[in-house]
Amino acid sequence: MIHEKVNRNQTDYKDLLTIATIFAKKGKSVKLTAPIHIKSVEYFEIYGSLIGTIYERKCPDLKIGDLFYEYERFIPPFNKKKISHMIKKGAEQSNRIIINNKKGASDRFILRNIRERVADKNFKYEIDEVWLYEKGNVRLLFKIQ
């Protein structure tokens, strides 16, 4: 499902649609969500489960089942700081992140970045899951046990 206020011209729309389709084919209920003002009734209807959490006022990109996911797209040119930045920005929106890894950073490199964020006492956000979007497919890389 695609919320009526989703901007179909945004640069990551096609990626989000592909990701949503992949999860839907696996039998998941998937909704593409839109940025909604916190004071609107619509915010409560869509993001009500975030109210009272550290993610209140945030508008993650996807709702898969009952869980919110934030998609972080790759912006060229590639450098090592990009992965760390994508993880940080994603975690600020949701504790479940999907990262575009089209430049093919190694799993080991990405996992090291995730673990550094999780271990950082000054980083106030949680990271429960990280998925990688690569070559038109999505795969789970990290999950808190």
N, C-alpha and C. Protein backbone atom coordinates (compact mmCIF):
# COMPACT_ATOMS: atom_id res chain seq x y z
N MET A 1 0.84 -1.17 0.00
CA MET A 1 0.00 0.00 0.00
C MET A 1 0.89 1.24 0.00
N ILE A 2 0.44 2.24 -0.69
CA ILE A 2 1.20 3.49 -0.78
C ILE A 2 0.30 4.62 -0.28
N HIS A 3 0.78 5.31 0.74
CA HIS A 3 0.03 6.44 1.29
C HIS A 3 -0.13 7.50 0.20
N GLU A 4 -1.28 8.14 0.18
CA GLU A 4 -1.58 9.13 -0.87
C GLU A 4 -0.63 10.32 -0.87
N LYS A 5 0.01 10.62 0.25
CA LYS A 5 0.91 11.77 0.32
C LYS A 5 2.37 11.41 0.03
N VAL A 6 2.63 10.16 -0.34
CA VAL A 6 3.99 9.78 -0.71
C VAL A 6 4.36 10.51 -2.00
N ASN A 7 5.51 11.15 -1.99
CA ASN A 7 5.98 11.88 -3.17
C ASN A 7 6.59 10.87 -4.16
N ARG A 8 5.88 10.62 -5.22
CA ARG A 8 6.33 9.64 -6.22
C ARG A 8 7.49 10.17 -7.06
N ASN A 9 7.83 11.42 -6.89
CA ASN A 9 8.96 12.01 -7.63
C ASN A 9 10.24 12.05 -6.80
N GLN A 10 10.17 11.65 -5.52
CA GLN A 10 11.37 11.67 -4.69
C GLN A 10 12.39 10.68 -5.23
N THR A 11 13.65 10.94 -4.99
CA THR A 11 14.72 10.16 -5.60
C THR A 11 14.75 8.70 -5.15
N ASP A 12 14.25 8.40 -3.97
CA ASP A 12 14.30 7.02 -3.51
C ASP A 12 12.97 6.27 -3.68
N TYR A 13 12.02 6.85 -4.37
CA TYR A 13 10.70 6.22 -4.52
C TYR A 13 10.78 4.85 -5.19
N LYS A 14 11.53 4.75 -6.28
CA LYS A 14 11.63 3.47 -6.99
C LYS A 14 12.27 2.40 -6.12
N ASP A 15 13.31 2.77 -5.37
CA ASP A 15 13.94 1.82 -4.45
C ASP A 15 12.94 1.37 -3.39
N LEU A 16 12.20 2.31 -2.81
CA LEU A 16 11.22 1.97 -1.79
C LEU A 16 10.14 1.04 -2.34
N LEU A 17 9.70 1.30 -3.55
CA LEU A 17 8.69 0.46 -4.18
C LEU A 17 9.24 -0.96 -4.41
N THR A 18 10.47 -1.06 -4.86
CA THR A 18 11.09 -2.37 -5.07
C THR A 18 11.22 -3.12 -3.74
N ILE A 19 11.69 -2.44 -2.72
CA ILE A 19 11.85 -3.06 -1.40
C ILE A 19 10.50 -3.52 -0.86
N ALA A 20 9.49 -2.67 -0.99
CA ALA A 20 8.15 -3.02 -0.52
C ALA A 20 7.63 -4.25 -1.26
N THR A 21 7.86 -4.31 -2.55
CA THR A 21 7.42 -5.45 -3.35
C THR A 21 8.11 -6.74 -2.91
N ILE A 22 9.40 -6.66 -2.62
CA ILE A 22 10.15 -7.84 -2.16
C ILE A 22 9.55 -8.39 -0.87
N PHE A 23 9.30 -7.51 0.10
CA PHE A 23 8.72 -7.95 1.37
C PHE A 23 7.29 -8.45 1.17
N ALA A 24 6.52 -7.81 0.30
CA ALA A 24 5.14 -8.23 0.05
C ALA A 24 5.11 -9.63 -0.57
N LYS A 25 6.05 -9.92 -1.45
CA LYS A 25 6.12 -11.25 -2.06
C LYS A 25 6.45 -12.33 -1.03
N LYS A 26 7.04 -11.92 0.08
CA LYS A 26 7.34 -12.86 1.18
C LYS A 26 6.16 -12.98 2.13
N GLY A 27 5.03 -12.37 1.78
CA GLY A 27 3.81 -12.49 2.57
C GLY A 27 3.63 -11.42 3.63
N LYS A 28 4.47 -10.40 3.62
CA LYS A 28 4.37 -9.32 4.61
C LYS A 28 3.39 -8.24 4.13
N SER A 29 2.75 -7.60 5.08
CA SER A 29 1.93 -6.43 4.80
C SER A 29 2.88 -5.23 4.79
N VAL A 30 2.91 -4.49 3.69
CA VAL A 30 3.86 -3.39 3.55
C VAL A 30 3.13 -2.11 3.17
N LYS A 31 3.51 -1.02 3.85
CA LYS A 31 2.96 0.30 3.55
C LYS A 31 4.09 1.28 3.37
N LEU A 32 4.06 2.02 2.26
CA LEU A 32 4.97 3.15 2.10
C LEU A 32 4.31 4.32 2.81
N THR A 33 5.04 4.94 3.71
CA THR A 33 4.47 6.01 4.51
C THR A 33 5.01 7.36 4.04
N ALA A 34 4.35 8.41 4.44
CA ALA A 34 4.70 9.76 4.01
C ALA A 34 5.00 10.64 5.23
N PRO A 35 5.80 11.68 5.03
CA PRO A 35 6.01 12.64 6.12
C PRO A 35 4.70 13.35 6.46
N ILE A 36 4.28 13.24 7.70
CA ILE A 36 3.03 13.83 8.18
C ILE A 36 3.36 14.69 9.40
N HIS A 37 2.71 15.83 9.52
CA HIS A 37 2.96 16.71 10.66
C HIS A 37 2.49 16.04 11.96
N ILE A 38 3.29 16.17 12.99
CA ILE A 38 3.05 15.53 14.29
C ILE A 38 1.70 15.90 14.89
N LYS A 39 1.20 17.09 14.61
CA LYS A 39 -0.04 17.54 15.23
C LYS A 39 -1.29 17.12 14.46
N SER A 40 -1.11 16.46 13.33
CA SER A 40 -2.28 16.06 12.55
C SER A 40 -2.86 14.75 13.07
N VAL A 41 -4.13 14.56 12.84
CA VAL A 41 -4.81 13.31 13.22
C VAL A 41 -4.19 12.15 12.45
N GLU A 42 -3.80 12.42 11.23
CA GLU A 42 -3.21 11.39 10.37
C GLU A 42 -1.91 10.84 10.97
N TYR A 43 -1.12 11.71 11.62
CA TYR A 43 0.12 11.24 12.24
C TYR A 43 -0.20 10.17 13.28
N PHE A 44 -1.20 10.43 14.10
CA PHE A 44 -1.58 9.46 15.13
C PHE A 44 -2.06 8.16 14.49
N GLU A 45 -2.80 8.25 13.39
CA GLU A 45 -3.31 7.05 12.72
C GLU A 45 -2.18 6.20 12.15
N ILE A 46 -1.18 6.85 11.55
CA ILE A 46 -0.09 6.11 10.91
C ILE A 46 1.02 5.77 11.89
N TYR A 47 1.46 6.77 12.63
CA TYR A 47 2.64 6.62 13.49
C TYR A 47 2.31 6.58 14.98
N GLY A 48 1.08 6.28 15.31
CA GLY A 48 0.64 6.28 16.70
C GLY A 48 1.49 5.43 17.63
N SER A 49 2.00 4.31 17.12
CA SER A 49 2.82 3.43 17.97
C SER A 49 4.17 4.05 18.33
N LEU A 50 4.54 5.12 17.64
CA LEU A 50 5.81 5.79 17.95
C LEU A 50 5.66 6.83 19.05
N ILE A 51 4.44 7.23 19.33
CA ILE A 51 4.20 8.26 20.34
C ILE A 51 4.59 7.72 21.72
N GLY A 52 5.38 8.51 22.42
CA GLY A 52 5.89 8.10 23.72
C GLY A 52 7.22 7.38 23.65
N THR A 53 7.74 7.19 22.44
CA THR A 53 9.05 6.56 22.26
C THR A 53 10.06 7.61 21.82
N ILE A 54 11.29 7.20 21.72
CA ILE A 54 12.35 8.09 21.26
C ILE A 54 12.12 8.51 19.79
N TYR A 55 11.28 7.75 19.09
CA TYR A 55 11.01 8.02 17.67
C TYR A 55 9.75 8.84 17.44
N GLU A 56 9.15 9.36 18.52
CA GLU A 56 8.01 10.26 18.36
C GLU A 56 8.45 11.46 17.53
N ARG A 57 7.60 11.92 16.65
CA ARG A 57 7.85 13.02 15.72
C ARG A 57 8.59 12.58 14.45
N LYS A 58 8.99 11.32 14.38
CA LYS A 58 9.69 10.80 13.21
C LYS A 58 8.69 10.19 12.23
N CYS A 59 9.09 10.08 10.98
CA CYS A 59 8.24 9.51 9.93
C CYS A 59 9.07 8.52 9.10
N PRO A 60 9.27 7.31 9.61
CA PRO A 60 10.03 6.32 8.84
C PRO A 60 9.37 6.03 7.49
N ASP A 61 10.15 5.51 6.56
CA ASP A 61 9.70 5.33 5.18
C ASP A 61 8.73 4.18 4.95
N LEU A 62 8.87 3.11 5.71
CA LEU A 62 8.08 1.90 5.48
C LEU A 62 7.52 1.35 6.77
N LYS A 63 6.36 0.72 6.65
CA LYS A 63 5.82 -0.06 7.76
C LYS A 63 5.62 -1.47 7.21
N ILE A 64 6.39 -2.40 7.75
CA ILE A 64 6.33 -3.80 7.32
C ILE A 64 5.76 -4.59 8.49
N GLY A 65 4.57 -5.11 8.29
CA GLY A 65 3.84 -5.70 9.40
C GLY A 65 3.49 -4.59 10.36
N ASP A 66 3.92 -4.74 11.61
CA ASP A 66 3.68 -3.70 12.62
C ASP A 66 4.93 -2.89 12.94
N LEU A 67 6.00 -3.09 12.17
CA LEU A 67 7.28 -2.48 12.46
C LEU A 67 7.65 -1.43 11.41
N PHE A 68 8.26 -0.35 11.88
CA PHE A 68 8.70 0.72 10.99
C PHE A 68 10.15 0.52 10.58
N TYR A 69 10.45 0.86 9.33
CA TYR A 69 11.79 0.75 8.77
C TYR A 69 12.15 2.06 8.08
N GLU A 70 13.40 2.44 8.20
CA GLU A 70 13.89 3.63 7.52
C GLU A 70 14.86 3.20 6.43
N TYR A 71 14.66 3.72 5.23
CA TYR A 71 15.53 3.43 4.11
C TYR A 71 16.53 4.56 3.95
N GLU A 72 17.79 4.20 3.85
CA GLU A 72 18.84 5.19 3.60
C GLU A 72 19.47 4.89 2.25
N ARG A 73 19.32 5.84 1.35
CA ARG A 73 19.85 5.63 0.00
C ARG A 73 21.29 6.09 -0.09
N PHE A 74 21.97 5.55 -1.07
CA PHE A 74 23.35 5.90 -1.34
C PHE A 74 23.40 7.19 -2.15
N ILE A 75 24.25 8.10 -1.74
CA ILE A 75 24.46 9.35 -2.48
C ILE A 75 25.93 9.39 -2.89
N PRO A 76 26.21 9.35 -4.21
CA PRO A 76 27.61 9.35 -4.66
C PRO A 76 28.32 10.63 -4.27
N PRO A 77 29.61 10.65 -4.22
CA PRO A 77 30.54 9.56 -4.44
C PRO A 77 30.71 8.71 -3.18
N PHE A 78 31.16 7.49 -3.36
CA PHE A 78 31.33 6.57 -2.24
C PHE A 78 32.59 6.92 -1.46
N ASN A 79 32.46 6.89 -0.14
CA ASN A 79 33.62 6.89 0.76
C ASN A 79 33.21 6.18 2.03
N LYS A 80 34.16 5.83 2.85
CA LYS A 80 33.89 5.00 4.03
C LYS A 80 32.97 5.68 5.04
N LYS A 81 32.99 6.99 5.09
CA LYS A 81 32.15 7.71 6.04
C LYS A 81 30.67 7.63 5.68
N LYS A 82 30.38 7.37 4.41
CA LYS A 82 28.98 7.32 3.96
C LYS A 82 28.20 6.23 4.69
N ILE A 83 28.79 5.06 4.84
CA ILE A 83 28.10 3.94 5.51
C ILE A 83 27.78 4.33 6.94
N SER A 84 28.76 4.87 7.65
CA SER A 84 28.54 5.29 9.03
C SER A 84 27.45 6.35 9.12
N HIS A 85 27.46 7.28 8.18
CA HIS A 85 26.45 8.34 8.16
C HIS A 85 25.06 7.77 7.88
N MET A 86 24.97 6.81 6.95
CA MET A 86 23.69 6.19 6.62
C MET A 86 23.13 5.46 7.83
N ILE A 87 23.98 4.77 8.57
CA ILE A 87 23.54 4.04 9.77
C ILE A 87 23.04 5.04 10.81
N LYS A 88 23.80 6.11 11.02
CA LYS A 88 23.42 7.12 12.01
C LYS A 88 22.08 7.77 11.64
N LYS A 89 21.94 8.23 10.40
CA LYS A 89 20.72 8.90 9.98
C LYS A 89 19.52 7.95 10.01
N GLY A 90 19.73 6.72 9.62
CA GLY A 90 18.66 5.73 9.67
C GLY A 90 18.19 5.46 11.09
N ALA A 91 19.15 5.31 12.00
CA ALA A 91 18.83 5.02 13.40
C ALA A 91 18.10 6.18 14.06
N GLU A 92 18.28 7.38 13.57
CA GLU A 92 17.57 8.53 14.11
C GLU A 92 16.09 8.50 13.73
N GLN A 93 15.72 7.74 12.72
CA GLN A 93 14.33 7.64 12.27
C GLN A 93 13.64 6.37 12.76
N SER A 94 14.41 5.27 12.86
CA SER A 94 13.84 3.99 13.25
C SER A 94 14.95 3.07 13.73
N ASN A 95 14.59 2.11 14.57
CA ASN A 95 15.59 1.14 15.04
C ASN A 95 15.77 0.00 14.05
N ARG A 96 15.06 0.06 12.94
CA ARG A 96 15.20 -0.91 11.85
C ARG A 96 15.54 -0.13 10.58
N ILE A 97 16.66 -0.49 9.98
CA ILE A 97 17.21 0.30 8.88
C ILE A 97 17.41 -0.59 7.66
N ILE A 98 17.16 -0.02 6.50
CA ILE A 98 17.50 -0.66 5.23
C ILE A 98 18.48 0.27 4.52
N ILE A 99 19.66 -0.25 4.21
CA ILE A 99 20.72 0.56 3.61
C ILE A 99 20.93 0.15 2.16
N ASN A 100 21.01 1.14 1.29
CA ASN A 100 21.36 0.88 -0.10
C ASN A 100 22.86 0.67 -0.15
N ASN A 101 23.26 -0.54 -0.49
CA ASN A 101 24.68 -0.89 -0.56
C ASN A 101 25.10 -1.15 -2.00
N LYS A 102 24.70 -0.28 -2.90
CA LYS A 102 24.96 -0.53 -4.31
C LYS A 102 26.44 -0.44 -4.67
N LYS A 103 27.24 0.16 -3.83
CA LYS A 103 28.68 0.18 -4.09
C LYS A 103 29.38 -1.05 -3.51
N GLY A 104 28.62 -1.89 -2.82
CA GLY A 104 29.16 -3.17 -2.38
C GLY A 104 30.18 -3.11 -1.27
N ALA A 105 29.95 -2.29 -0.26
CA ALA A 105 30.83 -2.32 0.91
C ALA A 105 30.72 -3.70 1.54
N SER A 106 31.79 -4.19 2.09
CA SER A 106 31.79 -5.55 2.63
C SER A 106 30.90 -5.65 3.86
N ASP A 107 30.35 -6.83 4.07
CA ASP A 107 29.52 -7.07 5.27
C ASP A 107 30.32 -6.77 6.52
N ARG A 108 31.58 -7.19 6.53
CA ARG A 108 32.43 -6.98 7.71
C ARG A 108 32.57 -5.49 8.03
N PHE A 109 32.75 -4.66 7.01
CA PHE A 109 32.90 -3.23 7.20
C PHE A 109 31.61 -2.62 7.75
N ILE A 110 30.48 -3.01 7.18
CA ILE A 110 29.19 -2.47 7.63
C ILE A 110 28.89 -2.95 9.05
N LEU A 111 29.13 -4.22 9.33
CA LEU A 111 28.90 -4.75 10.69
C LEU A 111 29.76 -4.03 11.72
N ARG A 112 31.01 -3.72 11.36
CA ARG A 112 31.88 -2.99 12.29
C ARG A 112 31.29 -1.62 12.60
N ASN A 113 30.75 -0.94 11.58
CA ASN A 113 30.12 0.36 11.78
C ASN A 113 28.89 0.25 12.68
N ILE A 114 28.09 -0.78 12.47
CA ILE A 114 26.89 -0.99 13.30
C ILE A 114 27.31 -1.23 14.74
N ARG A 115 28.26 -2.11 14.95
CA ARG A 115 28.70 -2.44 16.31
C ARG A 115 29.30 -1.22 17.02
N GLU A 116 30.01 -0.37 16.29
CA GLU A 116 30.54 0.85 16.88
C GLU A 116 29.41 1.76 17.35
N ARG A 117 28.35 1.87 16.55
CA ARG A 117 27.19 2.69 16.93
C ARG A 117 26.50 2.10 18.16
N VAL A 118 26.30 0.79 18.16
CA VAL A 118 25.61 0.12 19.27
C VAL A 118 26.42 0.28 20.56
N ALA A 119 27.74 0.22 20.47
CA ALA A 119 28.60 0.31 21.65
C ALA A 119 28.81 1.74 22.13
N ASP A 120 28.54 2.72 21.29
CA ASP A 120 28.76 4.12 21.63
C ASP A 120 27.75 4.58 22.68
N LYS A 121 28.22 4.89 23.86
CA LYS A 121 27.35 5.31 24.97
C LYS A 121 26.68 6.66 24.71
N ASN A 122 27.26 7.48 23.85
CA ASN A 122 26.69 8.79 23.54
C ASN A 122 25.63 8.75 22.45
N PHE A 123 25.50 7.60 21.77
CA PHE A 123 24.51 7.46 20.71
C PHE A 123 23.21 6.98 21.34
N LYS A 124 22.18 7.84 21.32
CA LYS A 124 20.97 7.56 22.09
C LYS A 124 19.96 6.66 21.39
N TYR A 125 20.21 6.32 20.12
CA TYR A 125 19.25 5.52 19.37
C TYR A 125 19.65 4.05 19.38
N GLU A 126 18.67 3.20 19.18
CA GLU A 126 18.92 1.76 19.14
C GLU A 126 18.97 1.30 17.70
N ILE A 127 19.67 0.20 17.48
CA ILE A 127 19.69 -0.44 16.18
C ILE A 127 19.33 -1.90 16.41
N ASP A 128 18.13 -2.29 15.96
CA ASP A 128 17.67 -3.67 16.15
C ASP A 128 17.89 -4.53 14.91
N GLU A 129 17.73 -3.94 13.73
CA GLU A 129 17.91 -4.67 12.48
C GLU A 129 18.53 -3.77 11.44
N VAL A 130 19.38 -4.37 10.61
CA VAL A 130 19.91 -3.67 9.44
C VAL A 130 19.80 -4.63 8.26
N TRP A 131 19.13 -4.16 7.23
CA TRP A 131 18.97 -4.90 5.98
C TRP A 131 19.79 -4.19 4.91
N LEU A 132 20.28 -4.94 3.95
CA LEU A 132 21.00 -4.36 2.82
C LEU A 132 20.18 -4.52 1.56
N TYR A 133 20.06 -3.44 0.82
CA TYR A 133 19.41 -3.45 -0.48
C TYR A 133 20.52 -3.41 -1.51
N GLU A 134 20.67 -4.52 -2.23
CA GLU A 134 21.74 -4.65 -3.21
C GLU A 134 21.21 -5.35 -4.46
N LYS A 135 21.51 -4.78 -5.60
CA LYS A 135 21.19 -5.40 -6.89
C LYS A 135 19.75 -5.89 -6.98
N GLY A 136 18.82 -5.07 -6.51
CA GLY A 136 17.41 -5.41 -6.61
C GLY A 136 16.93 -6.45 -5.62
N ASN A 137 17.71 -6.74 -4.59
CA ASN A 137 17.31 -7.70 -3.57
C ASN A 137 17.57 -7.13 -2.18
N VAL A 138 16.92 -7.69 -1.18
CA VAL A 138 17.08 -7.25 0.20
C VAL A 138 17.50 -8.45 1.04
N ARG A 139 18.49 -8.23 1.89
CA ARG A 139 18.91 -9.32 2.78
C ARG A 139 19.23 -8.78 4.17
N LEU A 140 18.96 -9.60 5.17
CA LEU A 140 19.21 -9.23 6.56
C LEU A 140 20.69 -9.37 6.85
N LEU A 141 21.30 -8.32 7.39
CA LEU A 141 22.71 -8.35 7.76
C LEU A 141 22.89 -8.43 9.27
N PHE A 142 22.06 -7.70 10.01
CA PHE A 142 22.26 -7.58 11.46
C PHE A 142 20.90 -7.59 12.15
N LYS A 143 20.84 -8.34 13.25
CA LYS A 143 19.63 -8.35 14.06
C LYS A 143 20.01 -8.60 15.50
N ILE A 144 19.46 -7.79 16.41
CA ILE A 144 19.68 -7.97 17.83
C ILE A 144 18.97 -9.27 18.23
N GLN A 145 19.65 -10.11 18.94
CA GLN A 145 19.05 -11.39 19.37
C GLN A 145 18.31 -11.22 20.67
